[in-house]
N, C-alpha and C. Protein backbone atom coordinates (compact mmCIF):
# COMPACT_ATOMS: atom_id res chain seq x y z
N UNK A 1 31.09 20.00 32.31
CA UNK A 1 29.96 19.56 31.70
C UNK A 1 28.67 19.15 32.42
N UNK A 2 27.54 19.76 31.75
CA UNK A 2 26.64 20.25 33.01
C UNK A 2 25.36 19.35 31.80
N UNK A 3 24.78 18.69 32.97
CA UNK A 3 23.29 17.46 32.59
C UNK A 3 22.63 17.28 33.50
N UNK A 4 21.40 17.76 32.20
CA UNK A 4 20.19 17.93 33.49
C UNK A 4 19.07 16.70 32.64
N UNK A 5 18.73 16.40 33.79
CA UNK A 5 17.61 14.97 33.49
C UNK A 5 16.54 14.62 34.04
N UNK A 6 14.99 14.76 33.46
CA UNK A 6 14.05 15.15 33.95
C UNK A 6 13.28 13.42 33.13
N UNK A 7 13.02 12.87 34.32
CA UNK A 7 12.13 11.50 34.26
C UNK A 7 10.68 11.91 35.25
N UNK A 8 9.66 12.00 34.19
CA UNK A 8 8.26 11.80 34.94
C UNK A 8 8.59 10.11 34.83
N UNK A 9 8.06 9.70 35.81
CA UNK A 9 7.06 8.14 36.59
C UNK A 9 8.12 7.47 36.09
N UNK A 10 9.21 7.55 36.41
CA UNK A 10 10.22 6.12 35.87
C UNK A 10 9.36 4.75 36.86
N UNK A 11 9.80 3.41 36.21
CA UNK A 11 9.64 2.71 36.62
C UNK A 11 10.54 2.36 38.11
N UNK A 12 9.97 1.57 38.86
CA UNK A 12 11.20 1.07 39.71
C UNK A 12 12.63 0.38 39.54
N UNK A 13 12.65 -0.30 38.74
CA UNK A 13 14.03 -0.84 37.87
C UNK A 13 14.86 0.23 37.72
N UNK A 14 14.63 1.24 36.78
CA UNK A 14 15.12 2.27 36.07
C UNK A 14 15.72 3.02 37.23
N UNK A 15 14.48 3.28 38.54
CA UNK A 15 14.66 4.10 39.46
C UNK A 15 16.25 4.09 40.04
N UNK A 16 15.59 2.56 40.97
CA UNK A 16 16.45 1.86 41.19
C UNK A 16 18.21 1.86 41.12
N UNK A 17 18.74 1.71 39.13
CA UNK A 17 19.32 1.65 38.65
C UNK A 17 19.80 3.19 39.02
N UNK A 18 19.23 4.14 38.26
CA UNK A 18 19.37 5.31 38.01
C UNK A 18 20.27 6.07 39.34
N UNK A 19 19.39 5.91 40.41
CA UNK A 19 20.13 6.36 41.90
C UNK A 19 21.17 5.45 42.27
N UNK A 20 21.26 4.32 42.25
CA UNK A 20 22.69 3.69 42.57
C UNK A 20 23.98 4.37 41.56
N UNK A 21 23.43 4.81 40.32
CA UNK A 21 24.94 5.70 39.16
C UNK A 21 25.07 6.64 39.66
N UNK A 22 23.88 7.29 39.82
CA UNK A 22 24.68 8.68 40.90
C UNK A 22 25.02 9.28 42.36
N UNK A 23 24.43 7.67 42.59
CA UNK A 23 24.92 7.20 44.36
C UNK A 23 26.53 6.84 44.00
N UNK A 24 27.34 6.66 43.07
CA UNK A 24 28.52 6.36 42.53
C UNK A 24 29.40 7.09 42.34
N UNK A 25 28.81 8.78 41.68
CA UNK A 25 29.21 9.37 41.14
C UNK A 25 28.46 10.87 42.24
N UNK A 26 28.13 10.18 42.76
CA UNK A 26 27.73 12.27 44.49
C UNK A 26 28.76 13.07 44.21
N UNK A 27 29.82 12.75 44.47
CA UNK A 27 30.76 14.25 44.67
C UNK A 27 30.81 15.36 43.31
N UNK A 28 30.47 14.60 42.18
CA UNK A 28 30.33 15.39 41.09
C UNK A 28 28.56 15.83 40.99
N UNK A 29 27.49 14.55 41.87
CA UNK A 29 26.08 15.42 41.35
C UNK A 29 25.31 16.87 42.33
N UNK A 30 25.02 17.55 41.27
CA UNK A 30 24.25 18.24 41.96
C UNK A 30 22.95 18.40 42.22
N UNK A 31 22.07 18.67 43.13
CA UNK A 31 21.05 19.11 43.03
C UNK A 31 19.75 19.82 42.68
N UNK A 32 19.41 19.90 41.86
CA UNK A 32 18.90 21.86 41.19
C UNK A 32 17.80 21.44 42.72
N UNK A 33 18.28 23.18 43.42
CA UNK A 33 17.00 23.78 44.34
C UNK A 33 16.71 25.19 44.30
N UNK A 34 16.81 24.86 42.84
CA UNK A 34 16.20 26.09 42.65
C UNK A 34 14.56 26.62 42.20
N UNK A 35 14.24 27.97 42.56
CA UNK A 35 13.12 28.45 42.55
C UNK A 35 13.05 28.99 41.28
N UNK A 36 12.30 27.95 40.19
CA UNK A 36 11.84 29.14 38.72
C UNK A 36 10.82 29.49 38.76
N UNK A 37 10.39 30.28 37.88
CA UNK A 37 8.90 30.24 38.40
C UNK A 37 7.75 29.62 38.02
N UNK A 38 8.46 28.26 37.25
CA UNK A 38 7.31 26.84 36.65
C UNK A 38 6.85 26.51 38.03
N UNK A 39 8.31 26.34 39.03
CA UNK A 39 8.11 25.41 40.50
C UNK A 39 7.31 26.52 41.11
N UNK A 40 7.67 27.91 41.73
CA UNK A 40 6.94 28.74 42.30
C UNK A 40 5.44 28.89 42.09
N UNK A 41 4.92 29.17 40.56
CA UNK A 41 3.58 28.36 40.46
C UNK A 41 3.11 26.96 40.66
N UNK A 42 3.60 26.20 41.16
CA UNK A 42 3.21 25.05 41.12
C UNK A 42 3.00 24.87 43.10
N UNK A 43 3.99 25.52 43.61
CA UNK A 43 4.26 25.76 44.85
C UNK A 43 2.83 26.60 45.43
N UNK A 44 2.27 28.56 44.75
CA UNK A 44 1.77 28.72 44.67
C UNK A 44 0.33 28.10 44.90
N UNK A 45 -0.17 27.50 43.74
CA UNK A 45 -0.59 27.10 43.54
C UNK A 45 -1.43 25.72 44.54
N UNK A 46 -0.59 25.67 44.99
CA UNK A 46 -0.73 24.33 46.26
C UNK A 46 -1.48 24.95 47.64
N UNK A 47 -1.11 25.97 47.56
CA UNK A 47 -1.28 26.06 48.76
C UNK A 47 -2.94 27.54 49.25
N UNK A 48 -3.12 26.53 50.85
CA UNK A 48 -4.40 26.76 51.12
C UNK A 48 -4.43 28.62 50.76
N UNK A 49 -5.60 29.67 50.80
CA UNK A 49 -6.09 30.84 50.51
C UNK A 49 -5.20 30.94 51.32
N UNK A 50 -5.13 31.12 52.67
CA UNK A 50 -4.67 32.11 53.72
C UNK A 50 -3.21 31.62 53.56
N UNK A 51 -2.46 30.68 53.55
CA UNK A 51 -0.90 30.98 52.95
C UNK A 51 -0.66 31.80 51.49
N UNK A 52 -1.42 31.77 50.53
CA UNK A 52 -1.25 31.87 49.80
C UNK A 52 -1.22 33.71 49.88
N UNK A 53 -2.12 33.85 50.71
CA UNK A 53 -2.07 35.86 50.79
C UNK A 53 -0.94 36.05 51.61
N UNK A 54 -0.19 34.88 52.20
CA UNK A 54 1.71 35.54 52.86
C UNK A 54 2.32 35.78 51.92
N UNK A 55 2.27 34.50 51.16
CA UNK A 55 3.59 34.45 50.17
C UNK A 55 3.78 35.60 48.69
N UNK A 56 2.11 35.64 48.36
CA UNK A 56 1.29 37.08 47.92
C UNK A 56 2.47 38.81 48.06
N UNK A 57 1.71 38.97 49.19
CA UNK A 57 1.68 39.90 50.23
C UNK A 57 3.73 40.06 50.06
N UNK A 58 3.87 39.38 50.44
CA UNK A 58 5.70 39.09 51.10
C UNK A 58 6.17 39.38 49.34
N UNK A 59 5.69 39.33 48.06
CA UNK A 59 5.99 39.43 46.60
C UNK A 59 6.16 39.89 46.67
N UNK A 60 4.50 41.48 46.57
CA UNK A 60 3.98 42.32 46.54
C UNK A 60 5.45 43.49 47.14
N UNK A 61 5.59 43.11 48.66
CA UNK A 61 6.21 44.04 49.29
C UNK A 61 7.39 43.77 49.46
N UNK A 62 7.99 43.40 48.56
CA UNK A 62 9.51 43.51 47.76
C UNK A 62 10.27 42.00 49.23
N UNK A 63 9.83 41.47 49.31
CA UNK A 63 9.99 40.24 50.22
C UNK A 63 9.67 39.97 52.13
N UNK A 64 8.94 41.47 52.42
CA UNK A 64 8.78 41.23 53.53
C UNK A 64 7.45 41.74 53.24
N UNK A 65 6.83 40.62 54.46
CA UNK A 65 4.96 40.92 54.92
C UNK A 65 5.25 41.57 56.45
N UNK A 66 4.80 42.40 56.97
CA UNK A 66 4.50 42.49 58.54
C UNK A 66 3.35 41.33 59.10
N UNK A 67 3.22 40.88 60.56
CA UNK A 67 2.39 40.06 60.94
C UNK A 67 0.86 41.15 60.75
N UNK A 68 1.02 42.01 61.17
CA UNK A 68 -0.27 42.97 61.53
C UNK A 68 -0.39 43.54 59.89
N UNK A 69 0.26 43.27 58.54
CA UNK A 69 -0.67 43.47 57.99
C UNK A 69 -1.92 42.04 56.99
N UNK A 70 -1.38 41.19 57.31
CA UNK A 70 -2.09 40.28 57.62
C UNK A 70 -3.57 39.55 58.55
N UNK A 71 -2.83 39.79 59.74
CA UNK A 71 -4.44 39.88 59.90
C UNK A 71 -5.63 40.72 60.19
N UNK A 72 -6.49 40.15 61.13
CA UNK A 72 -8.04 40.47 60.26
C UNK A 72 -8.13 41.67 61.10
N UNK A 73 -7.95 41.23 62.86
CA UNK A 73 -7.70 42.46 63.84
C UNK A 73 -6.81 42.47 64.59
N UNK A 74 -6.54 42.46 65.40
CA UNK A 74 -5.40 42.68 66.24
C UNK A 74 -5.47 41.75 66.90
N UNK A 75 -6.13 41.10 67.17
CA UNK A 75 -6.05 39.81 67.53
C UNK A 75 -6.15 38.62 67.40
N UNK A 76 -6.63 38.33 66.22
CA UNK A 76 -6.39 37.26 65.00
C UNK A 76 -5.31 36.37 65.10
N UNK A 77 -4.77 35.68 65.10
CA UNK A 77 -3.51 34.54 65.61
C UNK A 77 -3.32 34.41 63.70
N UNK A 78 -2.07 34.03 63.21
CA UNK A 78 -1.38 33.38 61.79
C UNK A 78 -1.09 32.27 62.26
N UNK A 79 -1.87 31.25 64.27
CA UNK A 79 -1.45 29.96 64.29
C UNK A 79 -1.71 29.14 62.86
N UNK A 80 -0.83 28.94 62.55
CA UNK A 80 -0.90 27.01 61.43
C UNK A 80 -0.47 27.90 59.93
N UNK A 81 -0.38 28.49 59.74
CA UNK A 81 0.00 29.21 58.50
C UNK A 81 1.05 28.82 58.05
N UNK A 82 2.26 28.65 58.87
CA UNK A 82 3.65 28.11 59.22
C UNK A 82 3.73 26.58 57.88
N UNK A 83 2.75 26.23 59.22
CA UNK A 83 2.37 24.14 58.85
C UNK A 83 2.35 24.54 57.42
N UNK A 84 1.20 25.23 57.05
CA UNK A 84 0.64 24.83 55.38
C UNK A 84 1.67 25.33 54.84
N UNK A 85 2.47 26.29 54.39
CA UNK A 85 4.06 26.85 53.60
C UNK A 85 4.77 25.75 54.06
N UNK A 86 5.44 25.06 54.95
CA UNK A 86 6.74 23.90 54.81
C UNK A 86 5.57 22.78 54.08
N UNK A 87 4.66 22.05 54.56
CA UNK A 87 4.00 20.95 53.70
C UNK A 87 3.80 21.00 52.69
N UNK A 88 3.59 22.32 51.41
CA UNK A 88 3.26 22.30 50.48
C UNK A 88 4.49 21.83 50.11
N UNK A 89 5.52 23.02 49.87
CA UNK A 89 7.34 21.95 49.87
C UNK A 89 7.40 20.33 49.96
N UNK A 90 7.18 19.83 51.04
CA UNK A 90 7.04 18.73 51.31
C UNK A 90 6.34 17.75 50.33
N UNK A 91 5.04 18.41 49.72
CA UNK A 91 4.39 18.02 48.72
C UNK A 91 4.89 17.79 47.50
N UNK A 92 5.61 18.99 47.58
CA UNK A 92 5.78 19.35 46.12
C UNK A 92 6.59 18.36 45.95
N UNK A 93 7.60 18.13 46.97
CA UNK A 93 8.83 16.59 46.64
C UNK A 93 8.19 15.41 46.67
N UNK A 94 7.09 15.23 46.91
CA UNK A 94 6.58 13.68 47.30
C UNK A 94 6.31 13.55 45.80
N UNK A 95 5.75 14.50 44.84
CA UNK A 95 5.17 14.40 43.52
C UNK A 95 5.84 14.65 42.64
N UNK A 96 7.44 14.68 43.19
CA UNK A 96 8.03 15.38 41.98
C UNK A 96 8.83 16.57 41.11
N UNK A 97 8.10 17.15 42.10
CA UNK A 97 7.69 18.61 41.56
C UNK A 97 9.64 19.47 41.70
N UNK A 98 9.94 18.94 42.68
CA UNK A 98 11.51 19.24 43.34
C UNK A 98 11.91 18.33 44.34
N UNK A 99 13.16 18.79 44.53
CA UNK A 99 13.87 17.52 45.52
C UNK A 99 13.78 18.32 46.90
N UNK A 100 13.44 17.19 47.12
CA UNK A 100 13.13 17.44 48.76
C UNK A 100 14.09 17.68 49.41
N UNK A 101 15.14 18.70 49.63
CA UNK A 101 16.37 19.79 50.16
C UNK A 101 15.63 20.87 49.47
N UNK A 102 14.09 20.90 48.64
CA UNK A 102 14.26 22.45 48.43
C UNK A 102 14.05 23.30 49.61
N UNK A 103 14.46 24.29 49.42
CA UNK A 103 14.54 25.33 50.29
C UNK A 103 12.93 25.97 50.60
N UNK A 104 12.38 26.38 51.57
CA UNK A 104 11.03 27.42 51.56
C UNK A 104 11.77 28.77 50.94
N UNK A 105 10.71 28.77 49.90
CA UNK A 105 11.08 30.05 49.55
C UNK A 105 10.22 31.23 51.07
N UNK A 106 10.04 30.77 51.70
CA UNK A 106 9.26 32.22 52.84
C UNK A 106 9.73 31.65 54.43
N UNK A 107 9.94 32.55 55.18
CA UNK A 107 9.72 32.37 56.58
C UNK A 107 9.55 32.92 57.31
N UNK A 108 9.08 32.66 58.57
CA UNK A 108 8.35 33.10 59.13
C UNK A 108 9.98 33.84 60.43
N UNK A 109 8.86 35.34 60.87
CA UNK A 109 9.74 35.75 61.04
C UNK A 109 9.44 36.11 62.53
N UNK A 110 10.65 36.17 63.32
CA UNK A 110 9.34 36.54 65.14
C UNK A 110 10.78 36.07 66.29
N UNK A 111 10.26 35.95 67.41
CA UNK A 111 11.14 36.07 69.15
C UNK A 111 11.68 33.90 68.60
N UNK A 112 10.76 33.66 68.27
CA UNK A 112 10.72 31.96 68.38
C UNK A 112 9.86 31.13 68.78
N UNK A 113 8.45 31.88 69.84
CA UNK A 113 7.72 32.15 70.55
C UNK A 113 6.92 32.58 70.06
N UNK A 114 5.16 32.22 70.65
CA UNK A 114 4.42 32.99 70.70
C UNK A 114 4.06 33.16 68.89
N UNK A 115 3.37 35.18 68.97
CA UNK A 115 2.82 35.44 67.47
C UNK A 115 4.28 35.58 66.68
N UNK A 116 4.46 35.60 65.65
CA UNK A 116 5.22 35.87 64.59
C UNK A 116 5.15 37.28 64.26
N UNK A 117 6.24 38.33 63.88
CA UNK A 117 5.80 39.32 63.33
C UNK A 117 5.87 39.50 61.85
N UNK A 118 6.65 38.96 61.12
CA UNK A 118 6.10 39.00 60.10
C UNK A 118 6.84 37.56 59.33
N UNK A 119 6.56 37.63 57.49
CA UNK A 119 7.29 36.35 57.03
C UNK A 119 7.88 37.81 56.21
N UNK A 120 9.35 36.49 55.55
CA UNK A 120 10.52 36.96 54.20
C UNK A 120 10.75 36.38 53.34
N UNK A 121 11.03 36.69 52.85
CA UNK A 121 11.17 36.22 51.79
C UNK A 121 12.44 36.21 50.41
N UNK A 122 13.23 35.42 50.66
CA UNK A 122 14.50 36.54 49.72
C UNK A 122 14.45 37.43 48.99
N UNK A 123 15.47 38.14 48.40
CA UNK A 123 15.61 39.35 47.74
C UNK A 123 15.36 38.33 46.05
N UNK A 124 16.21 37.56 46.03
CA UNK A 124 16.54 36.84 44.83
C UNK A 124 15.63 36.24 44.81
N UNK A 125 14.68 35.83 44.77
CA UNK A 125 12.90 34.68 45.23
C UNK A 125 11.92 36.06 44.50
N UNK A 126 12.04 37.27 45.05
CA UNK A 126 10.72 38.35 45.13
C UNK A 126 10.49 38.65 43.61
N UNK A 127 11.16 38.48 42.69
CA UNK A 127 10.69 38.53 41.49
C UNK A 127 9.89 37.09 40.91
N UNK A 128 11.06 35.90 40.66
CA UNK A 128 10.41 35.06 40.79
C UNK A 128 9.13 34.62 41.14
N UNK A 129 8.80 34.60 42.64
CA UNK A 129 7.03 34.36 42.60
C UNK A 129 6.36 35.48 42.13
N UNK A 130 6.69 36.89 42.48
CA UNK A 130 5.66 38.28 42.20
C UNK A 130 5.75 37.72 40.41
N UNK A 131 6.82 36.81 39.53
CA UNK A 131 6.08 36.82 38.17
C UNK A 131 5.14 35.08 38.68
N UNK A 132 5.13 35.07 38.68
CA UNK A 132 4.49 33.44 39.59
C UNK A 132 3.08 33.09 39.89
N UNK A 133 3.04 34.56 40.60
CA UNK A 133 1.85 35.06 41.42
C UNK A 133 0.83 36.01 40.17
N UNK A 134 1.38 36.41 39.19
CA UNK A 134 0.91 37.19 38.41
C UNK A 134 0.36 36.22 37.69
N UNK A 135 1.34 35.39 37.19
CA UNK A 135 0.80 34.15 35.91
C UNK A 135 -0.21 33.15 36.16
N UNK A 136 -0.60 32.93 37.30
CA UNK A 136 -1.38 32.49 38.35
C UNK A 136 -2.13 32.79 38.12
N UNK A 137 -2.49 34.07 38.81
CA UNK A 137 -4.19 34.85 38.77
C UNK A 137 -4.20 35.31 37.04
N UNK A 138 -3.82 35.27 35.81
CA UNK A 138 -4.05 35.57 34.51
C UNK A 138 -5.21 34.33 34.62
N UNK A 139 -4.47 33.37 35.26
CA UNK A 139 -5.57 31.78 35.14
C UNK A 139 -6.80 32.49 35.65
N UNK A 140 -6.98 33.09 36.40
CA UNK A 140 -7.83 32.88 37.09
C UNK A 140 -7.87 32.40 38.85
N UNK A 141 -9.10 31.65 39.44
CA UNK A 141 -8.45 31.42 40.92
C UNK A 141 -7.50 30.47 40.34
N UNK A 142 -6.29 30.37 41.46
CA UNK A 142 -5.76 30.03 41.43
C UNK A 142 -5.87 27.93 41.79
N UNK A 143 -5.52 27.02 41.22
CA UNK A 143 -5.85 25.54 40.80
C UNK A 143 -4.87 24.82 41.12
N UNK A 144 -5.22 24.13 42.28
CA UNK A 144 -3.98 22.70 42.32
C UNK A 144 -4.39 21.71 41.34
N UNK A 145 -3.16 21.77 39.82
CA UNK A 145 -2.99 21.16 39.28
C UNK A 145 -3.54 19.10 39.57
N UNK A 146 -2.76 18.53 40.86
CA UNK A 146 -3.14 17.26 40.48
C UNK A 146 -4.07 17.30 41.36
N UNK A 147 -4.70 18.15 42.00
CA UNK A 147 -6.91 17.94 42.61
C UNK A 147 -7.69 17.60 40.86
N UNK A 148 -6.90 18.19 40.06
CA UNK A 148 -7.94 18.48 38.86
C UNK A 148 -7.40 17.18 38.25
N UNK A 149 -6.25 16.24 38.67
CA UNK A 149 -6.05 15.27 37.89
C UNK A 149 -6.25 14.30 38.51
N UNK A 150 -6.51 14.01 39.65
CA UNK A 150 -7.00 12.99 41.12
C UNK A 150 -8.74 13.41 40.18
N UNK A 151 -9.38 14.33 40.03
CA UNK A 151 -11.17 14.73 40.26
C UNK A 151 -11.06 13.72 38.28
N UNK A 152 -10.22 13.91 37.57
CA UNK A 152 -10.48 13.72 36.31
C UNK A 152 -10.23 12.05 36.18
N UNK A 153 -9.09 11.50 37.10
CA UNK A 153 -9.18 9.98 37.03
C UNK A 153 -10.50 9.93 37.89
N UNK A 154 -11.01 10.47 38.56
CA UNK A 154 -11.90 9.48 39.34
C UNK A 154 -13.40 9.49 37.78
N UNK A 155 -14.09 10.39 37.33
CA UNK A 155 -14.41 10.15 36.40
C UNK A 155 -14.14 9.84 35.63
N UNK A 156 -13.02 9.51 34.78
CA UNK A 156 -12.70 8.29 34.39
C UNK A 156 -13.17 7.38 34.74
N UNK A 157 -12.75 6.92 35.78
CA UNK A 157 -12.83 5.33 36.89
C UNK A 157 -14.28 5.34 36.71
N UNK A 158 -15.52 5.87 37.42
CA UNK A 158 -16.72 5.97 37.13
C UNK A 158 -17.42 5.72 35.74
N UNK A 159 -16.85 6.19 34.61
CA UNK A 159 -17.57 5.91 33.46
C UNK A 159 -17.02 5.02 32.70
N UNK A 160 -15.17 3.79 33.21
CA UNK A 160 -15.26 3.05 33.08
C UNK A 160 -16.31 2.04 33.51
N UNK A 161 -16.53 2.18 34.63
CA UNK A 161 -17.72 1.43 35.34
C UNK A 161 -19.10 1.52 34.94
N UNK A 162 -19.62 2.25 34.60
CA UNK A 162 -20.63 2.29 33.99
C UNK A 162 -20.85 2.00 32.57
N UNK A 163 -19.86 2.24 32.01
CA UNK A 163 -20.13 1.50 30.84
C UNK A 163 -20.07 -0.30 30.55
N UNK A 164 -19.61 -0.46 32.12
CA UNK A 164 -19.36 -2.26 32.48
C UNK A 164 -20.99 -2.62 31.40
N UNK A 165 -21.47 -3.58 30.55
CA UNK A 165 -21.87 -4.16 30.20
C UNK A 165 -22.90 -4.73 31.67
N UNK A 166 -24.51 -4.50 31.69
CA UNK A 166 -25.10 -5.21 32.25
C UNK A 166 -24.86 -6.93 32.37
N UNK A 167 -25.08 -7.19 33.70
CA UNK A 167 -24.85 -8.46 33.65
C UNK A 167 -23.31 -8.80 33.99
N UNK A 168 -22.29 -8.36 33.25
CA UNK A 168 -20.94 -8.47 33.84
C UNK A 168 -20.76 -8.01 34.80
N UNK A 169 -20.01 -9.22 35.70
CA UNK A 169 -19.73 -9.34 37.25
C UNK A 169 -18.59 -7.72 37.06
N UNK A 170 -18.78 -7.31 38.36
CA UNK A 170 -18.03 -5.94 38.95
C UNK A 170 -16.89 -6.38 39.55
N UNK A 171 -16.35 -5.88 39.59
CA UNK A 171 -15.25 -6.78 40.53
C UNK A 171 -14.87 -5.26 41.88
N UNK A 172 -14.28 -5.53 42.83
CA UNK A 172 -13.75 -3.97 43.99
C UNK A 172 -12.84 -2.84 43.49
N UNK A 173 -11.89 -3.67 42.26
CA UNK A 173 -11.10 -2.74 41.64
C UNK A 173 -11.67 -1.59 40.51
N UNK A 174 -13.06 -2.37 39.88
CA UNK A 174 -13.59 -1.21 38.99
C UNK A 174 -13.94 -0.53 40.03
């Protein structure tokens, strides 16, 4: 038997009880770390432009993009790109989009120090990410949905403050 459970924004007590139940049966519990098109879209949209380019080029080129194909000129650096790729994984886990143990869909290739020689995406993820990127780009510029949600919340909060009747004391929470 296979059971898939998705819970959006569980209360603290519920989450605590569910995790305790799962811990009791840990030998039977498997965490889903599969890259789906939906997860790949979220990941891609959450990346800064330079890191998005790495993922896109790797997907287009059947899983591998040479560093020289990403550099604007022979002396330009790709320093910092790998950090953005791994931070996106951590952010997605923190937001509940995938588990903390989600594997990175792309890894830098190289001698382990100095300039990387390229980036590799596992063969089984190439089509998933190719589809996710195509879906995202159909909509136009890739957008991080979380930023839109945060902006909408801020606008709503401002609207609530502006609706407050004159003379009514505003609190700092407003």
